[in-house]
PDB file of N, CA and C in Angstrom:
ATOM      1  N   UNK A   1       0.850  -1.167   0.000  1.00  0.00           N
ATOM      2  CA  UNK A   1       0.000   0.000   0.000  1.00  0.00           C
ATOM      3  C   UNK A   1       0.896   1.230   0.000  1.00  0.00           C
ATOM      4  N   UNK A   2       0.602   2.168  -0.865  1.00  0.00           N
ATOM      5  CA  UNK A   2       1.414   3.374  -0.949  1.00  0.00           C
ATOM      6  C   UNK A   2       0.622   4.559  -0.412  1.00  0.00           C
ATOM      7  N   UNK A   3       1.358   5.614  -0.053  1.00  0.00           N
ATOM      8  CA  UNK A   3       0.709   6.794   0.510  1.00  0.00           C
ATOM      9  C   UNK A   3       0.191   7.742  -0.559  1.00  0.00           C
ATOM     10  N   UNK A   4       0.744   7.728  -1.730  1.00  0.00           N
ATOM     11  CA  UNK A   4       0.334   8.669  -2.768  1.00  0.00           C
ATOM     12  C   UNK A   4       0.380   8.029  -4.129  1.00  0.00           C
ATOM     13  N   UNK A   5       0.117   8.825  -5.149  1.00  0.00           N
ATOM     14  CA  UNK A   5       0.156   8.267  -6.501  1.00  0.00           C
ATOM     15  C   UNK A   5       1.575   7.885  -6.897  1.00  0.00           C
ATOM     16  N   UNK A   6       1.658   6.894  -7.738  1.00  0.00           N
ATOM     17  CA  UNK A   6       2.957   6.441  -8.216  1.00  0.00           C
ATOM     18  C   UNK A   6       3.354   7.266  -9.435  1.00  0.00           C
ATOM     19  N   UNK A   7       4.472   7.926  -9.354  1.00  0.00           N
ATOM     20  CA  UNK A   7       4.991   8.710 -10.465  1.00  0.00           C
ATOM     21  C   UNK A   7       6.180   7.972 -11.055  1.00  0.00           C
ATOM     22  N   UNK A   8       6.238   7.970 -12.361  1.00  0.00           N
ATOM     23  CA  UNK A   8       7.347   7.337 -13.046  1.00  0.00           C
ATOM     24  C   UNK A   8       8.456   8.369 -13.153  1.00  0.00           C
ATOM     25  N   UNK A   9       9.599   8.026 -12.629  1.00  0.00           N
ATOM     26  CA  UNK A   9      10.731   8.943 -12.696  1.00  0.00           C
ATOM     27  C   UNK A   9      11.304   8.916 -14.101  1.00  0.00           C
ATOM     28  N   UNK A  10      11.699  10.068 -14.593  1.00  0.00           N
ATOM     29  CA  UNK A  10      12.322  10.126 -15.906  1.00  0.00           C
ATOM     30  C   UNK A  10      13.379  11.211 -15.882  1.00  0.00           C
ATOM     31  N   UNK A  11      14.352  11.024 -16.733  1.00  0.00           N
ATOM     32  CA  UNK A  11      15.414  12.011 -16.854  1.00  0.00           C
ATOM     33  C   UNK A  11      14.997  13.043 -17.892  1.00  0.00           C
ATOM     34  N   UNK A  12      15.166  14.271 -17.549  1.00  0.00           N
ATOM     35  CA  UNK A  12      14.764  15.341 -18.447  1.00  0.00           C
ATOM     36  C   UNK A  12      15.857  16.392 -18.459  1.00  0.00           C
ATOM     37  N   UNK A  13      16.436  16.588 -19.603  1.00  0.00           N
ATOM     38  CA  UNK A  13      17.490  17.583 -19.731  1.00  0.00           C
ATOM     39  C   UNK A  13      16.862  18.975 -19.686  1.00  0.00           C
ATOM     40  N   UNK A  14      17.611  19.987 -19.260  1.00  0.00           N
ATOM     41  CA  UNK A  14      17.065  21.347 -19.202  1.00  0.00           C
ATOM     42  C   UNK A  14      16.551  21.846 -20.553  1.00  0.00           C
ATOM     43  N   UNK A  15      17.187  21.423 -21.619  1.00  0.00           N
ATOM     44  CA  UNK A  15      16.725  21.823 -22.951  1.00  0.00           C
ATOM     45  C   UNK A  15      15.353  21.254 -23.270  1.00  0.00           C
ATOM     46  N   UNK A  16      15.083  20.030 -22.819  1.00  0.00           N
ATOM     47  CA  UNK A  16      13.771  19.430 -23.048  1.00  0.00           C
ATOM     48  C   UNK A  16      12.700  20.142 -22.233  1.00  0.00           C
ATOM     49  N   UNK A  17      13.052  20.525 -20.999  1.00  0.00           N
ATOM     50  CA  UNK A  17      12.098  21.266 -20.177  1.00  0.00           C
ATOM     51  C   UNK A  17      11.777  22.605 -20.824  1.00  0.00           C
ATOM     52  N   UNK A  18      12.775  23.273 -21.357  1.00  0.00           N
ATOM     53  CA  UNK A  18      12.584  24.560 -22.013  1.00  0.00           C
ATOM     54  C   UNK A  18      11.711  24.400 -23.258  1.00  0.00           C
ATOM     55  N   UNK A  19      11.961  23.371 -24.037  1.00  0.00           N
ATOM     56  CA  UNK A  19      11.159  23.132 -25.239  1.00  0.00           C
ATOM     57  C   UNK A  19       9.708  22.842 -24.869  1.00  0.00           C
ATOM     58  N   UNK A  20       9.504  22.055 -23.826  1.00  0.00           N
ATOM     59  CA  UNK A  20       8.137  21.753 -23.383  1.00  0.00           C
ATOM     60  C   UNK A  20       7.447  23.026 -22.900  1.00  0.00           C
ATOM     61  N   UNK A  21       8.152  23.852 -22.164  1.00  0.00           N
ATOM     62  CA  UNK A  21       7.582  25.108 -21.682  1.00  0.00           C
ATOM     63  C   UNK A  21       7.235  26.028 -22.854  1.00  0.00           C
ATOM     64  N   UNK A  22       8.079  26.077 -23.865  1.00  0.00           N
ATOM     65  CA  UNK A  22       7.801  26.914 -25.031  1.00  0.00           C
ATOM     66  C   UNK A  22       6.562  26.426 -25.776  1.00  0.00           C
ATOM     67  N   UNK A  23       6.385  25.102 -25.876  1.00  0.00           N
ATOM     68  CA  UNK A  23       5.186  24.565 -26.526  1.00  0.00           C
ATOM     69  C   UNK A  23       3.934  24.932 -25.746  1.00  0.00           C
ATOM     70  N   UNK A  24       3.991  24.794 -24.431  1.00  0.00           N
ATOM     71  CA  UNK A  24       2.844  25.141 -23.587  1.00  0.00           C
ATOM     72  C   UNK A  24       2.544  26.630 -23.706  1.00  0.00           C
ATOM     73  N   UNK A  25       3.575  27.460 -23.677  1.00  0.00           N
ATOM     74  CA  UNK A  25       3.379  28.908 -23.799  1.00  0.00           C
ATOM     75  C   UNK A  25       2.775  29.257 -25.162  1.00  0.00           C
ATOM     76  N   UNK A  26       3.193  28.582 -26.225  1.00  0.00           N
ATOM     77  CA  UNK A  26       2.644  28.836 -27.555  1.00  0.00           C
ATOM     78  C   UNK A  26       1.171  28.441 -27.620  1.00  0.00           C
ATOM     79  N   UNK A  27       0.825  27.316 -27.012  1.00  0.00           N
ATOM     80  CA  UNK A  27      -0.572  26.877 -26.979  1.00  0.00           C
ATOM     81  C   UNK A  27      -1.420  27.886 -26.212  1.00  0.00           C
ATOM     82  N   UNK A  28      -0.921  28.335 -25.068  1.00  0.00           N
ATOM     83  CA  UNK A  28      -1.654  29.316 -24.278  1.00  0.00           C
ATOM     84  C   UNK A  28      -1.796  30.639 -25.038  1.00  0.00           C
ATOM     85  N   UNK A  29      -0.770  31.045 -25.736  1.00  0.00           N
ATOM     86  CA  UNK A  29      -0.823  32.281 -26.507  1.00  0.00           C
ATOM     87  C   UNK A  29      -1.840  32.179 -27.641  1.00  0.00           C
ATOM     88  N   UNK A  30      -1.854  31.040 -28.337  1.00  0.00           N
ATOM     89  CA  UNK A  30      -2.827  30.834 -29.411  1.00  0.00           C
ATOM     90  C   UNK A  30      -4.257  30.871 -28.869  1.00  0.00           C
ATOM     91  N   UNK A  31      -4.464  30.226 -27.723  1.00  0.00           N
ATOM     92  CA  UNK A  31      -5.797  30.225 -27.109  1.00  0.00           C
ATOM     93  C   UNK A  31      -6.205  31.647 -26.712  1.00  0.00           C
ATOM     94  N   UNK A  32      -5.278  32.398 -26.153  1.00  0.00           N
ATOM     95  CA  UNK A  32      -5.556  33.773 -25.759  1.00  0.00           C
ATOM     96  C   UNK A  32      -5.900  34.628 -26.976  1.00  0.00           C
ATOM     97  N   UNK A  33      -5.187  34.460 -28.057  1.00  0.00           N
ATOM     98  CA  UNK A  33      -5.471  35.215 -29.290  1.00  0.00           C
ATOM     99  C   UNK A  33      -6.845  34.870 -29.837  1.00  0.00           C
ATOM    100  N   UNK A  34      -7.197  33.582 -29.830  1.00  0.00           N
ATOM    101  CA  UNK A  34      -8.529  33.180 -30.294  1.00  0.00           C
ATOM    102  C   UNK A  34      -9.618  33.789 -29.424  1.00  0.00           C
ATOM    103  N   UNK A  35      -9.393  33.768 -28.115  1.00  0.00           N
ATOM    104  CA  UNK A  35     -10.393  34.322 -27.187  1.00  0.00           C
ATOM    105  C   UNK A  35     -10.529  35.830 -27.383  1.00  0.00           C
ATOM    106  N   UNK A  36      -9.435  36.523 -27.591  1.00  0.00           N
ATOM    107  CA  UNK A  36      -9.500  37.961 -27.836  1.00  0.00           C
ATOM    108  C   UNK A  36     -10.240  38.265 -29.135  1.00  0.00           C
ATOM    109  N   UNK A  37     -10.030  37.442 -30.164  1.00  0.00           N
ATOM    110  CA  UNK A  37     -10.758  37.620 -31.419  1.00  0.00           C
ATOM    111  C   UNK A  37     -12.261  37.427 -31.209  1.00  0.00           C
ATOM    112  N   UNK A  38     -12.629  36.420 -30.409  1.00  0.00           N
ATOM    113  CA  UNK A  38     -14.038  36.189 -30.113  1.00  0.00           C
ATOM    114  C   UNK A  38     -14.634  37.377 -29.365  1.00  0.00           C
ATOM    115  N   UNK A  39     -13.904  37.899 -28.389  1.00  0.00           N
ATOM    116  CA  UNK A  39     -14.383  39.055 -27.640  1.00  0.00           C
ATOM    117  C   UNK A  39     -14.553  40.271 -28.545  1.00  0.00           C
ATOM    118  N   UNK A  40     -13.621  40.464 -29.457  1.00  0.00           N
ATOM    119  CA  UNK A  40     -13.718  41.592 -30.379  1.00  0.00           C
ATOM    120  C   UNK A  40     -14.956  41.450 -31.273  1.00  0.00           C
ATOM    121  N   UNK A  41     -15.235  40.252 -31.765  1.00  0.00           N
ATOM    122  CA  UNK A  41     -16.420  40.025 -32.582  1.00  0.00           C
ATOM    123  C   UNK A  41     -17.688  40.294 -31.775  1.00  0.00           C
ATOM    124  N   UNK A  42     -17.718  39.857 -30.523  1.00  0.00           N
ATOM    125  CA  UNK A  42     -18.879  40.090 -29.675  1.00  0.00           C
ATOM    126  C   UNK A  42     -19.080  41.584 -29.428  1.00  0.00           C
ATOM    127  N   UNK A  43     -17.997  42.316 -29.221  1.00  0.00           N
ATOM    128  CA  UNK A  43     -18.106  43.754 -29.006  1.00  0.00           C
ATOM    129  C   UNK A  43     -18.616  44.457 -30.260  1.00  0.00           C
ATOM    130  N   UNK A  44     -18.175  44.033 -31.433  1.00  0.00           N
ATOM    131  CA  UNK A  44     -18.653  44.627 -32.678  1.00  0.00           C
ATOM    132  C   UNK A  44     -20.144  44.371 -32.869  1.00  0.00           C
ATOM    133  N   UNK A  45     -20.604  43.154 -32.557  1.00  0.00           N
ATOM    134  CA  UNK A  45     -22.037  42.861 -32.648  1.00  0.00           C
ATOM    135  C   UNK A  45     -22.825  43.717 -31.669  1.00  0.00           C
ATOM    136  N   UNK A  46     -22.298  43.878 -30.459  1.00  0.00           N
ATOM    137  CA  UNK A  46     -22.970  44.694 -29.451  1.00  0.00           C
ATOM    138  C   UNK A  46     -23.041  46.153 -29.894  1.00  0.00           C
ATOM    139  N   UNK A  47     -21.981  46.639 -30.524  1.00  0.00           N
ATOM    140  CA  UNK A  47     -21.968  48.016 -31.016  1.00  0.00           C
ATOM    141  C   UNK A  47     -23.019  48.206 -32.111  1.00  0.00           C
ATOM    142  N   UNK A  48     -23.142  47.228 -33.011  1.00  0.00           N
ATOM    143  CA  UNK A  48     -24.166  47.312 -34.058  1.00  0.00           C
ATOM    144  C   UNK A  48     -25.564  47.353 -33.451  1.00  0.00           C
ATOM    145  N   UNK A  49     -25.793  46.527 -32.433  1.00  0.00           N
ATOM    146  CA  UNK A  49     -27.104  46.530 -31.764  1.00  0.00           C
ATOM    147  C   UNK A  49     -27.374  47.869 -31.094  1.00  0.00           C
ATOM    148  N   UNK A  50     -26.364  48.443 -30.490  1.00  0.00           N
ATOM    149  CA  UNK A  50     -26.513  49.739 -29.832  1.00  0.00           C
ATOM    150  C   UNK A  50     -26.896  50.815 -30.839  1.00  0.00           C
ATOM    151  N   UNK A  51     -26.180  50.854 -31.980  1.00  0.00           N
ATOM    152  CA  UNK A  51     -26.491  51.863 -32.993  1.00  0.00           C
ATOM    153  C   UNK A  51     -27.878  51.634 -33.586  1.00  0.00           C
ATOM    154  N   UNK A  52     -28.282  50.391 -33.762  1.00  0.00           N
ATOM    155  CA  UNK A  52     -29.616  50.097 -34.259  1.00  0.00           C
ATOM    156  C   UNK A  52     -30.672  50.619 -33.286  1.00  0.00           C
ATOM    157  N   UNK A  53     -30.424  50.468 -31.997  1.00  0.00           N
ATOM    158  CA  UNK A  53     -31.339  50.983 -30.985  1.00  0.00           C
ATOM    159  C   UNK A  53     -31.390  52.507 -31.024  1.00  0.00           C
ATOM    160  N   UNK A  54     -30.233  53.144 -31.132  1.00  0.00           N
ATOM    161  CA  UNK A  54     -30.179  54.612 -31.193  1.00  0.00           C
ATOM    162  C   UNK A  54     -30.943  55.106 -32.415  1.00  0.00           C
ATOM    163  N   UNK A  55     -30.722  54.493 -33.575  1.00  0.00           N
ATOM    164  CA  UNK A  55     -31.425  54.910 -34.783  1.00  0.00           C
ATOM    165  C   UNK A  55     -32.925  54.652 -34.665  1.00  0.00           C
ATOM    166  N   UNK A  56     -33.310  53.568 -34.033  1.00  0.00           N
ATOM    167  CA  UNK A  56     -34.732  53.268 -33.835  1.00  0.00           C
ATOM    168  C   UNK A  56     -35.412  54.309 -32.959  1.00  0.00           C
ATOM    169  N   UNK A  57     -34.754  54.689 -31.864  1.00  0.00           N
ATOM    170  CA  UNK A  57     -35.315  55.712 -30.978  1.00  0.00           C
ATOM    171  C   UNK A  57     -35.406  57.044 -31.710  1.00  0.00           C
ATOM    172  N   UNK A  58     -34.358  57.404 -32.447  1.00  0.00           N
ATOM    173  CA  UNK A  58     -34.374  58.660 -33.211  1.00  0.00           C
ATOM    174  C   UNK A  58     -35.494  58.643 -34.249  1.00  0.00           C
ATOM    175  N   UNK A  59     -35.706  57.523 -34.919  1.00  0.00           N
ATOM    176  CA  UNK A  59     -36.777  57.421 -35.913  1.00  0.00           C
ATOM    177  C   UNK A  59     -38.147  57.555 -35.246  1.00  0.00           C
ATOM    178  N   UNK A  60     -38.313  56.970 -34.071  1.00  0.00           N
ATOM    179  CA  UNK A  60     -39.587  57.084 -33.357  1.00  0.00           C
ATOM    180  C   UNK A  60     -39.853  58.532 -32.953  1.00  0.00           C
ATOM    181  N   UNK A  61     -38.836  59.216 -32.462  1.00  0.00           N
ATOM    182  CA  UNK A  61     -38.993  60.621 -32.069  1.00  0.00           C
ATOM    183  C   UNK A  61     -39.322  61.480 -33.291  1.00  0.00           C
ATOM    184  N   UNK A  62     -38.604  61.286 -34.380  1.00  0.00           N
ATOM    185  CA  UNK A  62     -38.883  62.050 -35.601  1.00  0.00           C
ATOM    186  C   UNK A  62     -40.272  61.736 -36.158  1.00  0.00           C
ATOM    187  N   UNK A  63     -40.698  60.496 -36.053  1.00  0.00           N
ATOM    188  CA  UNK A  63     -42.042  60.116 -36.503  1.00  0.00           C
ATOM    189  C   UNK A  63     -43.117  60.811 -35.695  1.00  0.00           C
ATOM    190  N   UNK A  64     -42.929  60.858 -34.374  1.00  0.00           N
ATOM    191  CA  UNK A  64     -43.898  61.562 -33.537  1.00  0.00           C
ATOM    192  C   UNK A  64     -43.891  63.056 -33.828  1.00  0.00           C
ATOM    193  N   UNK A  65     -42.705  63.624 -34.059  1.00  0.00           N
ATOM    194  CA  UNK A  65     -42.605  65.044 -34.393  1.00  0.00           C
ATOM    195  C   UNK A  65     -43.317  65.327 -35.723  1.00  0.00           C
ATOM    196  N   UNK A  66     -43.109  64.499 -36.699  1.00  0.00           N
ATOM    197  CA  UNK A  66     -43.745  64.660 -37.998  1.00  0.00           C
ATOM    198  C   UNK A  66     -45.260  64.515 -37.869  1.00  0.00           C
ATOM    199  N   UNK A  67     -45.700  63.559 -37.074  1.00  0.00           N
ATOM    200  CA  UNK A  67     -47.124  63.355 -36.855  1.00  0.00           C
ATOM    201  C   UNK A  67     -47.736  64.572 -36.171  1.00  0.00           C
ATOM    202  N   UNK A  68     -47.016  65.150 -35.203  1.00  0.00           N
ATOM    203  CA  UNK A  68     -47.485  66.354 -34.535  1.00  0.00           C
ATOM    204  C   UNK A  68     -47.587  67.528 -35.485  1.00  0.00           C
ATOM    205  N   UNK A  69     -46.609  67.643 -36.379  1.00  0.00           N
ATOM    206  CA  UNK A  69     -46.664  68.729 -37.359  1.00  0.00           C
ATOM    207  C   UNK A  69     -47.811  68.543 -38.346  1.00  0.00           C
ATOM    208  N   UNK A  70     -48.132  67.330 -38.705  1.00  0.00           N
ATOM    209  CA  UNK A  70     -49.219  67.067 -39.644  1.00  0.00           C
ATOM    210  C   UNK A  70     -50.572  67.398 -39.042  1.00  0.00           C
ATOM    211  N   UNK A  71     -50.743  67.219 -37.726  1.00  0.00           N
ATOM    212  CA  UNK A  71     -52.029  67.520 -37.098  1.00  0.00           C
ATOM    213  C   UNK A  71     -52.189  69.021 -36.894  1.00  0.00           C
ATOM    214  N   UNK A  72     -51.109  69.782 -36.748  1.00  0.00           N
ATOM    215  CA  UNK A  72     -51.170  71.221 -36.523  1.00  0.00           C
ATOM    216  C   UNK A  72     -51.498  71.943 -37.811  1.00  0.00           C
ATOM    217  N   UNK A  73     -50.882  71.573 -38.906  1.00  0.00           N
ATOM    218  CA  UNK A  73     -51.105  72.275 -40.184  1.00  0.00           C
ATOM    219  C   UNK A  73     -52.421  71.825 -40.815  1.00  0.00           C
ATOM    220  N   UNK A  74     -53.177  72.759 -41.421  1.00  0.00           N
ATOM    221  CA  UNK A  74     -54.504  72.411 -41.991  1.00  0.00           C
ATOM    222  C   UNK A  74     -54.423  71.649 -43.273  1.00  0.00           C
TER     223      UNK A  74
END
């Protein structure tokens, strides 16, 4: 019976550790870049929705103003 998990010992040269770390860092960097691209796309969609809302409100206000002017003039 052992107290903890069994780990297989292996020899690892410092160059191999550095190469493994560089691969992990590259994977993390790629993932971060993909996530930032996704966030940028989401922000662009949100901006389009915001402008659509602003234009909709402006159109409603102008429509009411035009309707008010039509009822005032004979």
